[in-house]
Amino acid sequence: MFAVTVTFTLIPGGAEAFMPLMLANARKTLADEPGCLRFDVCTDPAHPDEVFLYEIYYNREAFDRHLDAAHFQSFDAATAHLVWAKDVRTYAQVQT
């Protein structure tokens, strides 16, 4: 298993436009990418401009295919102006 965490810091007020695109990307990933086993989108009302993702892929190659997917590329381009910072971390060995 291969885990990915992403923390987005959005521009102030950007969550309203960002979240529908983020949730659509998560749904599309789970529906169309058999290598994606989990895709959680997390928010905290106390920090409305922060979005945390927790994703599990079968392996690194499945995550790389995700990054190349048309729906991810479209999401990334459509939300770039809303993201102030993005921290991506990957974990190569996940024990179950």
C-alpha atoms as a PDB file:
ATOM      1  CA  MET A   1       0.000   0.000   0.000  1.00  0.00           C
ATOM      2  CA  PHE A   2       1.043   3.565  -0.701  1.00  0.00           C
ATOM      3  CA  ALA A   3      -0.346   6.478   1.341  1.00  0.00           C
ATOM      4  CA  VAL A   4      -0.549  10.105   0.329  1.00  0.00           C
ATOM      5  CA  THR A   5      -1.471  13.064   2.504  1.00  0.00           C
ATOM      6  CA  VAL A   6      -2.039  16.523   1.107  1.00  0.00           C
ATOM      7  CA  THR A   7      -2.711  19.700   3.044  1.00  0.00           C
ATOM      8  CA  PHE A   8      -4.049  22.585   0.999  1.00  0.00           C
ATOM      9  CA  THR A   9      -3.937  26.098   2.393  1.00  0.00           C
ATOM     10  CA  LEU A  10      -6.433  28.054   0.356  1.00  0.00           C
ATOM     11  CA  ILE A  11      -6.614  31.744  -0.311  1.00  0.00           C
ATOM     12  CA  PRO A  12      -9.000  33.433   2.146  1.00  0.00           C
ATOM     13  CA  GLY A  13     -12.543  32.613   1.107  1.00  0.00           C
ATOM     14  CA  GLY A  14     -11.408  30.114  -1.526  1.00  0.00           C
ATOM     15  CA  ALA A  15     -13.072  27.074   0.020  1.00  0.00           C
ATOM     16  CA  GLU A  16     -16.492  27.816  -1.492  1.00  0.00           C
ATOM     17  CA  ALA A  17     -15.127  27.441  -5.039  1.00  0.00           C
ATOM     18  CA  PHE A  18     -12.511  24.797  -4.172  1.00  0.00           C
ATOM     19  CA  MET A  19     -14.603  22.209  -2.326  1.00  0.00           C
ATOM     20  CA  PRO A  20     -17.035  21.202  -5.105  1.00  0.00           C
ATOM     21  CA  LEU A  21     -14.089  20.654  -7.458  1.00  0.00           C
ATOM     22  CA  MET A  22     -12.160  18.751  -4.796  1.00  0.00           C
ATOM     23  CA  LEU A  23     -15.087  16.464  -3.977  1.00  0.00           C
ATOM     24  CA  ALA A  24     -15.748  15.791  -7.675  1.00  0.00           C
ATOM     25  CA  ASN A  25     -12.075  14.883  -8.137  1.00  0.00           C
ATOM     26  CA  ALA A  26     -12.189  12.505  -5.165  1.00  0.00           C
ATOM     27  CA  ARG A  27     -15.364  10.794  -6.442  1.00  0.00           C
ATOM     28  CA  LYS A  28     -13.954  10.453  -9.972  1.00  0.00           C
ATOM     29  CA  THR A  29     -10.686   9.044  -8.632  1.00  0.00           C
ATOM     30  CA  LEU A  30     -12.456   6.395  -6.564  1.00  0.00           C
ATOM     31  CA  ALA A  31     -14.846   5.490  -9.396  1.00  0.00           C
ATOM     32  CA  ASP A  32     -12.372   5.384 -12.284  1.00  0.00           C
ATOM     33  CA  GLU A  33      -9.021   4.418 -10.776  1.00  0.00           C
ATOM     34  CA  PRO A  34      -8.936   0.823  -9.514  1.00  0.00           C
ATOM     35  CA  GLY A  35      -5.537   1.494  -7.906  1.00  0.00           C
ATOM     36  CA  CYS A  36      -7.072   4.067  -5.536  1.00  0.00           C
ATOM     37  CA  LEU A  37      -8.434   2.312  -2.473  1.00  0.00           C
ATOM     38  CA  ARG A  38      -9.348   5.333  -0.321  1.00  0.00           C
ATOM     39  CA  PHE A  39      -9.696   9.077  -0.858  1.00  0.00           C
ATOM     40  CA  ASP A  40     -10.832  11.086   2.169  1.00  0.00           C
ATOM     41  CA  VAL A  41     -11.379  14.846   2.010  1.00  0.00           C
ATOM     42  CA  CYS A  42     -11.262  16.393   5.491  1.00  0.00           C
ATOM     43  CA  THR A  43     -12.028  19.885   6.734  1.00  0.00           C
ATOM     44  CA  ASP A  44     -12.187  21.608  10.109  1.00  0.00           C
ATOM     45  CA  PRO A  45     -14.737  24.406  10.630  1.00  0.00           C
ATOM     46  CA  ALA A  46     -12.193  26.182  12.829  1.00  0.00           C
ATOM     47  CA  HIS A  47      -9.831  26.387   9.817  1.00  0.00           C
ATOM     48  CA  PRO A  48     -12.077  26.934   6.771  1.00  0.00           C
ATOM     49  CA  ASP A  49      -9.185  27.676   4.430  1.00  0.00           C
ATOM     50  CA  GLU A  50      -7.437  24.353   5.066  1.00  0.00           C
ATOM     51  CA  VAL A  51      -8.280  21.039   3.390  1.00  0.00           C
ATOM     52  CA  PHE A  52      -6.606  17.743   4.275  1.00  0.00           C
ATOM     53  CA  LEU A  53      -6.581  14.685   2.004  1.00  0.00           C
ATOM     54  CA  TYR A  54      -5.801  11.114   2.983  1.00  0.00           C
ATOM     55  CA  GLU A  55      -5.403   8.785   0.024  1.00  0.00           C
ATOM     56  CA  ILE A  56      -4.434   5.120  -0.193  1.00  0.00           C
ATOM     57  CA  TYR A  57      -3.228   3.591  -3.447  1.00  0.00           C
ATOM     58  CA  TYR A  58      -2.312   0.030  -4.239  1.00  0.00           C
ATOM     59  CA  ASN A  59       1.260   1.156  -5.033  1.00  0.00           C
ATOM     60  CA  ARG A  60       3.313   4.131  -6.215  1.00  0.00           C
ATOM     61  CA  GLU A  61       2.518   3.365  -9.845  1.00  0.00           C
ATOM     62  CA  ALA A  62      -1.215   3.709  -9.143  1.00  0.00           C
ATOM     63  CA  PHE A  63      -0.590   7.133  -7.606  1.00  0.00           C
ATOM     64  CA  ASP A  64       1.533   8.156 -10.594  1.00  0.00           C
ATOM     65  CA  ARG A  65      -1.353   7.140 -12.897  1.00  0.00           C
ATOM     66  CA  HIS A  66      -3.632   9.325 -10.777  1.00  0.00           C
ATOM     67  CA  LEU A  67      -1.359  12.315 -11.288  1.00  0.00           C
ATOM     68  CA  ASP A  68      -1.474  11.722 -15.057  1.00  0.00           C
ATOM     69  CA  ALA A  69      -5.270  11.254 -15.190  1.00  0.00           C
ATOM     70  CA  ALA A  70      -7.202  13.838 -17.203  1.00  0.00           C
ATOM     71  CA  HIS A  71      -9.649  14.494 -14.366  1.00  0.00           C
ATOM     72  CA  PHE A  72      -6.798  15.225 -11.930  1.00  0.00           C
ATOM     73  CA  GLN A  73      -5.022  17.476 -14.437  1.00  0.00           C
ATOM     74  CA  SER A  74      -8.284  19.378 -14.983  1.00  0.00           C
ATOM     75  CA  PHE A  75      -8.880  19.722 -11.218  1.00  0.00           C
ATOM     76  CA  ASP A  76      -5.301  20.895 -10.622  1.00  0.00           C
ATOM     77  CA  ALA A  77      -5.539  23.575 -13.316  1.00  0.00           C
ATOM     78  CA  ALA A  78      -9.007  24.731 -12.244  1.00  0.00           C
ATOM     79  CA  THR A  79      -8.014  25.177  -8.594  1.00  0.00           C
ATOM     80  CA  ALA A  80      -4.469  26.551  -8.919  1.00  0.00           C
ATOM     81  CA  HIS A  81      -5.605  30.138  -8.365  1.00  0.00           C
ATOM     82  CA  LEU A  82      -7.367  29.120  -5.124  1.00  0.00           C
ATOM     83  CA  VAL A  83      -4.370  27.397  -3.510  1.00  0.00           C
ATOM     84  CA  TRP A  84      -1.927  29.484  -1.514  1.00  0.00           C
ATOM     85  CA  ALA A  85       0.209  26.485  -0.446  1.00  0.00           C
ATOM     86  CA  LYS A  86       0.154  22.699  -0.826  1.00  0.00           C
ATOM     87  CA  ASP A  87       2.081  20.152   1.240  1.00  0.00           C
ATOM     88  CA  VAL A  88       2.200  16.643  -0.278  1.00  0.00           C
ATOM     89  CA  ARG A  89       3.668  13.736   1.671  1.00  0.00           C
ATOM     90  CA  THR A  90       3.953  10.134   0.583  1.00  0.00           C
ATOM     91  CA  TYR A  91       4.489   6.992   2.603  1.00  0.00           C
ATOM     92  CA  ALA A  92       5.766   3.981   0.718  1.00  0.00           C
ATOM     93  CA  GLN A  93       4.950   1.252   3.215  1.00  0.00           C
ATOM     94  CA  VAL A  94       1.568   1.041   4.858  1.00  0.00           C
ATOM     95  CA  GLN A  95       0.950  -1.989   7.048  1.00  0.00           C
ATOM     96  CA  THR A  96      -2.596  -3.266   7.309  1.00  0.00           C
END
